[in-house]
C-alpha atoms as a PDB file:
ATOM      1  CA  SER A   1      -6.620 -13.977  62.696  1.00  0.00           C
ATOM      2  CA  ALA A   2      -7.104 -16.203  59.884  1.00  0.00           C
ATOM      3  CA  GLY A   3      -8.873 -13.531  57.747  1.00  0.00           C
ATOM      4  CA  ALA A   4      -6.061 -11.118  58.177  1.00  0.00           C
ATOM      5  CA  LEU A   5      -3.404 -13.622  57.201  1.00  0.00           C
ATOM      6  CA  GLN A   6      -5.597 -14.583  54.104  1.00  0.00           C
ATOM      7  CA  GLY A   7      -5.885 -10.994  53.210  1.00  0.00           C
ATOM      8  CA  ILE A   8      -1.911 -10.475  53.524  1.00  0.00           C
ATOM      9  CA  GLN A   9      -1.573 -13.576  51.303  1.00  0.00           C
ATOM     10  CA  GLU A  10      -3.814 -12.316  48.765  1.00  0.00           C
ATOM     11  CA  THR A  11      -2.128  -8.966  48.638  1.00  0.00           C
ATOM     12  CA  ARG A  12       1.224 -10.719  48.270  1.00  0.00           C
ATOM     13  CA  ASP A  13      -0.146 -12.930  45.358  1.00  0.00           C
ATOM     14  CA  MET A  14      -1.532  -9.850  43.718  1.00  0.00           C
ATOM     15  CA  MET A  15       1.719  -7.912  44.035  1.00  0.00           C
ATOM     16  CA  GLY A  16       3.373 -11.065  42.601  1.00  0.00           C
ATOM     17  CA  LEU A  17       1.123 -11.006  39.632  1.00  0.00           C
ATOM     18  CA  VAL A  18       1.649  -7.296  39.179  1.00  0.00           C
ATOM     19  CA  ALA A  19       5.483  -7.865  39.134  1.00  0.00           C
ATOM     20  CA  GLU A  20       5.168 -10.761  36.640  1.00  0.00           C
ATOM     21  CA  TYR A  21       2.872  -8.874  34.446  1.00  0.00           C
ATOM     22  CA  ASP A  22       5.186  -5.840  34.430  1.00  0.00           C
ATOM     23  CA  LEU A  23       8.176  -8.162  33.540  1.00  0.00           C
ATOM     24  CA  ALA A  24       6.328  -9.781  30.823  1.00  0.00           C
ATOM     25  CA  MET A  25       5.454  -6.396  29.414  1.00  0.00           C
ATOM     26  CA  GLN A  26       9.179  -5.325  29.604  1.00  0.00           C
ATOM     27  CA  LEU A  27      10.247  -8.589  27.975  1.00  0.00           C
ATOM     28  CA  ALA A  28       7.780  -8.137  25.121  1.00  0.00           C
ATOM     29  CA  ASN A  29       8.915  -4.354  24.705  1.00  0.00           C
ATOM     30  CA  ASP A  30      12.531  -5.771  24.501  1.00  0.00           C
ATOM     31  CA  GLY A  31      11.424  -8.224  21.769  1.00  0.00           C
ATOM     32  CA  ASN A  32      11.550 -11.439  23.872  1.00  0.00           C
ATOM     33  CA  VAL A  33       8.016 -12.253  22.975  1.00  0.00           C
ATOM     34  CA  GLU A  34       8.319 -15.976  23.781  1.00  0.00           C
ATOM     35  CA  ARG A  35       9.384 -15.432  27.367  1.00  0.00           C
ATOM     36  CA  ALA A  36       6.767 -12.747  27.723  1.00  0.00           C
ATOM     37  CA  LEU A  37       4.084 -15.096  26.513  1.00  0.00           C
ATOM     38  CA  ALA A  38       5.345 -17.633  28.925  1.00  0.00           C
ATOM     39  CA  PHE A  39       4.854 -15.209  31.886  1.00  0.00           C
ATOM     40  CA  LEU A  40       1.444 -14.009  30.553  1.00  0.00           C
ATOM     41  CA  ASN A  41       0.232 -17.702  30.204  1.00  0.00           C
ATOM     42  CA  GLY A  42       1.410 -18.278  33.840  1.00  0.00           C
ATOM     43  CA  ILE A  43      -0.587 -15.254  35.102  1.00  0.00           C
ATOM     44  CA  GLN A  44      -3.587 -16.275  33.008  1.00  0.00           C
ATOM     45  CA  ALA A  45      -3.517 -19.685  34.672  1.00  0.00           C
ATOM     46  CA  LYS A  46      -3.243 -18.207  38.084  1.00  0.00           C
ATOM     47  CA  SER A  47      -5.784 -15.335  37.581  1.00  0.00           C
ATOM     48  CA  PRO A  48      -7.789 -15.468  34.219  1.00  0.00           C
ATOM     49  CA  GLY A  49      -9.205 -12.052  34.642  1.00  0.00           C
ATOM     50  CA  PHE A  50      -6.052 -10.264  35.724  1.00  0.00           C
ATOM     51  CA  ARG A  51      -5.685  -6.942  33.838  1.00  0.00           C
ATOM     52  CA  ASN A  52      -5.762  -7.315  30.125  1.00  0.00           C
ATOM     53  CA  VAL A  53      -3.641 -10.494  30.121  1.00  0.00           C
ATOM     54  CA  ASP A  54      -5.986 -12.296  27.486  1.00  0.00           C
ATOM     55  CA  ALA A  55      -5.675  -9.381  25.079  1.00  0.00           C
ATOM     56  CA  GLU A  56      -1.901  -9.139  25.713  1.00  0.00           C
ATOM     57  CA  ILE A  57      -1.632 -12.843  24.776  1.00  0.00           C
ATOM     58  CA  LYS A  58      -3.594 -12.563  21.756  1.00  0.00           C
ATOM     59  CA  ARG A  59      -1.620  -9.447  20.590  1.00  0.00           C
ATOM     60  CA  LEU A  60       1.709 -11.144  21.020  1.00  0.00           C
ATOM     61  CA  GLN A  61       0.720 -14.203  19.424  1.00  0.00           C
ATOM     62  CA  ALA A  62      -0.318 -12.210  16.353  1.00  0.00           C
ATOM     63  CA  LEU A  63       2.912 -10.373  16.487  1.00  0.00           C
ATOM     64  CA  GLU A  64       4.781 -13.771  16.474  1.00  0.00           C
ATOM     65  CA  GLU A  65       2.659 -14.878  13.484  1.00  0.00           C
ATOM     66  CA  ALA A  66       3.284 -11.571  11.621  1.00  0.00           C
ATOM     67  CA  LYS A  67       7.226 -12.063  12.296  1.00  0.00           C
ATOM     68  CA  MET A  68       6.970 -15.528  10.741  1.00  0.00           C
ATOM     69  CA  MET A  69       5.050 -14.188   7.789  1.00  0.00           C
ATOM     70  CA  PHE A  70       7.500 -11.318   7.414  1.00  0.00           C
ATOM     71  CA  GLU A  71      10.332 -13.990   7.254  1.00  0.00           C
ATOM     72  CA  ALA A  72       8.423 -15.879   4.595  1.00  0.00           C
ATOM     73  CA  ALA A  73       7.850 -12.769   2.635  1.00  0.00           C
ATOM     74  CA  GLU A  74      11.451 -11.886   2.795  1.00  0.00           C
ATOM     75  CA  ALA A  75      12.514 -15.375   1.556  1.00  0.00           C
ATOM     76  CA  ALA A  76       9.953 -15.095  -1.292  1.00  0.00           C
ATOM     77  CA  TYR A  77      11.345 -11.744  -2.173  1.00  0.00           C
ATOM     78  CA  ALA A  78      14.930 -12.786  -1.988  1.00  0.00           C
ATOM     79  CA  GLN A  79      14.132 -15.627  -4.475  1.00  0.00           C
ATOM     80  CA  GLN A  80      12.196 -13.086  -6.796  1.00  0.00           C
ATOM     81  CA  GLN A  81       8.986 -15.026  -6.293  1.00  0.00           C
ATOM     82  CA  TRP A  82       7.023 -11.661  -6.550  1.00  0.00           C
ATOM     83  CA  LEU A  83       3.532 -13.313  -6.592  1.00  0.00           C
ATOM     84  CA  ASP A  84       4.179 -15.262  -3.437  1.00  0.00           C
ATOM     85  CA  ALA A  85       5.822 -12.097  -1.606  1.00  0.00           C
ATOM     86  CA  VAL A  86       2.908  -9.821  -2.292  1.00  0.00           C
ATOM     87  CA  PRO A  87       0.020 -11.580  -0.271  1.00  0.00           C
ATOM     88  CA  LEU A  88       2.770 -12.314   2.555  1.00  0.00           C
ATOM     89  CA  TYR A  89       3.661  -8.587   2.752  1.00  0.00           C
ATOM     90  CA  GLU A  90       0.081  -7.579   2.588  1.00  0.00           C
ATOM     91  CA  GLN A  91      -0.800  -9.888   5.669  1.00  0.00           C
ATOM     92  CA  VAL A  92       2.176  -8.588   7.646  1.00  0.00           C
ATOM     93  CA  SER A  93       1.088  -5.039   7.049  1.00  0.00           C
ATOM     94  CA  GLU A  94      -2.463  -5.796   8.157  1.00  0.00           C
ATOM     95  CA  MET A  95      -1.407  -7.881  11.241  1.00  0.00           C
ATOM     96  CA  ALA A  96       1.418  -5.681  12.487  1.00  0.00           C
ATOM     97  CA  ARG A  97       1.675  -2.318  10.921  1.00  0.00           C
ATOM     98  CA  ASP A  98       4.706  -1.279  12.740  1.00  0.00           C
ATOM     99  CA  LEU A  99       6.643  -4.573  12.133  1.00  0.00           C
ATOM    100  CA  HIS A 100       9.598  -3.652   9.926  1.00  0.00           C
ATOM    101  CA  ALA A 101       7.319  -0.930   8.337  1.00  0.00           C
ATOM    102  CA  ASP A 102       9.880   0.715   6.056  1.00  0.00           C
ATOM    103  CA  THR A 103      11.086  -2.702   4.670  1.00  0.00           C
ATOM    104  CA  VAL A 104       7.543  -4.039   4.255  1.00  0.00           C
ATOM    105  CA  ASP A 105       6.340  -0.993   2.425  1.00  0.00           C
ATOM    106  CA  GLN A 106       9.480  -0.889   0.077  1.00  0.00           C
ATOM    107  CA  HIS A 107       9.453  -4.466  -0.821  1.00  0.00           C
ATOM    108  CA  LEU A 108       5.689  -4.503  -1.089  1.00  0.00           C
ATOM    109  CA  HIS A 109       5.780  -1.888  -3.735  1.00  0.00           C
ATOM    110  CA  ASP A 110       8.625  -3.505  -5.456  1.00  0.00           C
ATOM    111  CA  ALA A 111       6.885  -6.783  -5.480  1.00  0.00           C
ATOM    112  CA  TYR A 112       3.669  -5.286  -6.788  1.00  0.00           C
ATOM    113  CA  TYR A 113       5.614  -3.660  -9.749  1.00  0.00           C
ATOM    114  CA  ARG A 114       7.660  -6.812 -10.434  1.00  0.00           C
ATOM    115  CA  GLY A 115       4.854  -9.237  -9.932  1.00  0.00           C
ATOM    116  CA  GLY A 116       2.608  -7.090 -12.085  1.00  0.00           C
ATOM    117  CA  MET A 117       5.232  -7.034 -14.868  1.00  0.00           C
ATOM    118  CA  GLU A 118       5.624 -10.724 -14.486  1.00  0.00           C
ATOM    119  CA  LEU A 119       1.964 -11.195 -15.068  1.00  0.00           C
ATOM    120  CA  THR A 120       1.952  -9.263 -18.173  1.00  0.00           C
ATOM    121  CA  THR A 121       4.565 -11.614 -19.536  1.00  0.00           C
ATOM    122  CA  LEU A 122       2.999 -14.752 -18.294  1.00  0.00           C
ATOM    123  CA  LEU A 123      -0.735 -14.168 -19.318  1.00  0.00           C
ATOM    124  CA  PRO A 124      -2.495 -16.110 -18.744  1.00  0.00           C
ATOM    125  CA  ALA A 125      -0.804 -16.841 -15.442  1.00  0.00           C
ATOM    126  CA  PRO A 126      -1.897 -19.759 -13.217  1.00  0.00           C
ATOM    127  CA  ASP A 127      -4.158 -18.252 -10.442  1.00  0.00           C
ATOM    128  CA  ALA A 128      -3.898 -14.782 -11.807  1.00  0.00           C
ATOM    129  CA  GLY A 129      -4.796 -12.687 -14.747  1.00  0.00           C
ATOM    130  CA  PRO A 130      -4.786  -9.285 -16.305  1.00  0.00           C
ATOM    131  CA  ALA A 131      -6.995  -7.666 -13.684  1.00  0.00           C
ATOM    132  CA  GLN A 132      -4.474  -8.732 -11.022  1.00  0.00           C
ATOM    133  CA  ALA A 133      -1.487  -7.498 -13.080  1.00  0.00           C
ATOM    134  CA  GLN A 134      -3.274  -4.087 -13.473  1.00  0.00           C
ATOM    135  CA  GLU A 135      -3.856  -3.919  -9.753  1.00  0.00           C
ATOM    136  CA  TYR A 136      -0.312  -4.695  -8.948  1.00  0.00           C
ATOM    137  CA  LEU A 137       1.169  -2.260 -11.486  1.00  0.00           C
ATOM    138  CA  ARG A 138      -0.986   0.570 -10.172  1.00  0.00           C
ATOM    139  CA  LYS A 139       0.101  -0.205  -6.582  1.00  0.00           C
ATOM    140  CA  GLY A 140       3.752  -0.589  -7.511  1.00  0.00           C
ATOM    141  CA  LYS A 141       3.864   2.228 -10.153  1.00  0.00           C
ATOM    142  CA  SER A 142       6.279   4.298  -8.054  1.00  0.00           C
ATOM    143  CA  VAL A 143       9.146   1.734  -8.590  1.00  0.00           C
ATOM    144  CA  ASP A 144       9.430   2.433 -12.350  1.00  0.00           C
ATOM    145  CA  SER A 145       6.664   4.702 -13.576  1.00  0.00           C
ATOM    146  CA  LYS A 146       7.681   4.681 -17.108  1.00  0.00           C
ATOM    147  CA  GLN A 147       7.624   0.963 -17.559  1.00  0.00           C
ATOM    148  CA  ALA A 148       4.514   0.481 -15.509  1.00  0.00           C
ATOM    149  CA  GLU A 149       2.675   3.077 -17.733  1.00  0.00           C
ATOM    150  CA  ILE A 150       3.663   1.177 -20.701  1.00  0.00           C
ATOM    151  CA  ALA A 151       2.396  -2.146 -19.283  1.00  0.00           C
ATOM    152  CA  LEU A 152      -0.753  -0.431 -18.032  1.00  0.00           C
ATOM    153  CA  LYS A 153      -1.496   0.965 -21.463  1.00  0.00           C
ATOM    154  CA  ARG A 154      -1.117  -2.581 -22.832  1.00  0.00           C
ATOM    155  CA  LEU A 155      -3.543  -3.802 -20.255  1.00  0.00           C
ATOM    156  CA  ASP A 156      -5.936  -1.123 -21.148  1.00  0.00           C
ATOM    157  CA  ILE A 157      -5.863  -2.088 -24.778  1.00  0.00           C
ATOM    158  CA  TYR A 158      -6.364  -5.644 -23.639  1.00  0.00           C
ATOM    159  CA  PHE A 159      -9.471  -4.681 -21.454  1.00  0.00           C
ATOM    160  CA  ASP A 160     -10.776  -2.567 -24.374  1.00  0.00           C
ATOM    161  CA  GLY A 161     -10.460  -5.498 -26.690  1.00  0.00           C
ATOM    162  CA  MET A 162     -12.308  -7.656 -24.132  1.00  0.00           C
ATOM    163  CA  LYS A 163     -15.149  -5.222 -23.923  1.00  0.00           C
ATOM    164  CA  ALA A 164     -15.442  -4.874 -27.634  1.00  0.00           C
ATOM    165  CA  LEU A 165     -15.497  -8.746 -27.812  1.00  0.00           C
ATOM    166  CA  ASP A 166     -18.200  -8.814 -25.171  1.00  0.00           C
ATOM    167  CA  ASP A 167     -20.274  -6.253 -27.083  1.00  0.00           C
ATOM    168  CA  GLY A 168     -20.051  -8.404 -30.270  1.00  0.00           C
ATOM    169  CA  ASN A 169     -17.597  -6.084 -31.979  1.00  0.00           C
ATOM    170  CA  LEU A 170     -15.217  -8.749 -33.147  1.00  0.00           C
ATOM    171  CA  ASP A 171     -13.406  -6.543 -35.742  1.00  0.00           C
ATOM    172  CA  GLU A 172     -12.725  -3.919 -33.070  1.00  0.00           C
ATOM    173  CA  ALA A 173     -11.412  -6.432 -30.749  1.00  0.00           C
ATOM    174  CA  ILE A 174      -9.055  -7.848 -33.356  1.00  0.00           C
ATOM    175  CA  ASN A 175      -7.856  -4.387 -34.370  1.00  0.00           C
ATOM    176  CA  LEU A 176      -7.219  -3.528 -30.701  1.00  0.00           C
ATOM    177  CA  TRP A 177      -5.286  -6.809 -29.995  1.00  0.00           C
ATOM    178  CA  GLN A 178      -3.226  -6.916 -33.233  1.00  0.00           C
ATOM    179  CA  GLY A 179      -0.759  -4.479 -31.749  1.00  0.00           C
ATOM    180  CA  LEU A 180      -0.438  -6.534 -28.512  1.00  0.00           C
ATOM    181  CA  TYR A 181      -0.090  -9.706 -30.577  1.00  0.00           C
ATOM    182  CA  ASP A 182       2.619  -8.244 -32.818  1.00  0.00           C
ATOM    183  CA  ALA A 183       4.707  -6.928 -29.739  1.00  0.00           C
ATOM    184  CA  ASN A 184       4.182 -10.176 -27.782  1.00  0.00           C
ATOM    185  CA  PRO A 185       2.275 -13.290 -29.230  1.00  0.00           C
ATOM    186  CA  ALA A 186       2.304 -14.962 -25.900  1.00  0.00           C
ATOM    187  CA  TYR A 187       0.364 -12.060 -24.391  1.00  0.00           C
ATOM    188  CA  LEU A 188      -2.890 -13.115 -25.962  1.00  0.00           C
END
């Protein structure tokens, strides 16, 4: 009968989708995300509601984006562009926590420290300031805690001087900042 033949065909089609989906997941697990996405997109075109194909496509696309961001972060890190590397590593960590996790963690902390130290020598830096330097140094303190502490103390003095200035205590601000200026005139 026509109904039975149609049922058999639908079963074969479904078995084909299951096989394609399993292959796509295996490819993704093996790191061949591009081919996995091609299979998943094919499945989605044939049967949009099949399993969790939409969610898997989004997950793999995000993983691909995180991989590209990781490569950009690594390039910035290799070129010692710490202030560029930090937000890229942060995004990789948010998007794909398991992607090169040890490298991301190590390089991110190193970039925090080095970026924070760079900011303390460039103040005022373009698109950054003492608050960002302080945040980065606190996050990257484990790289060189002694130097980070010295820089953080300087930043504390800077902020204390700003508070004194805001409170109208000009003499106190000058007294606080005099040591910073003597150590590095470009700091203020």
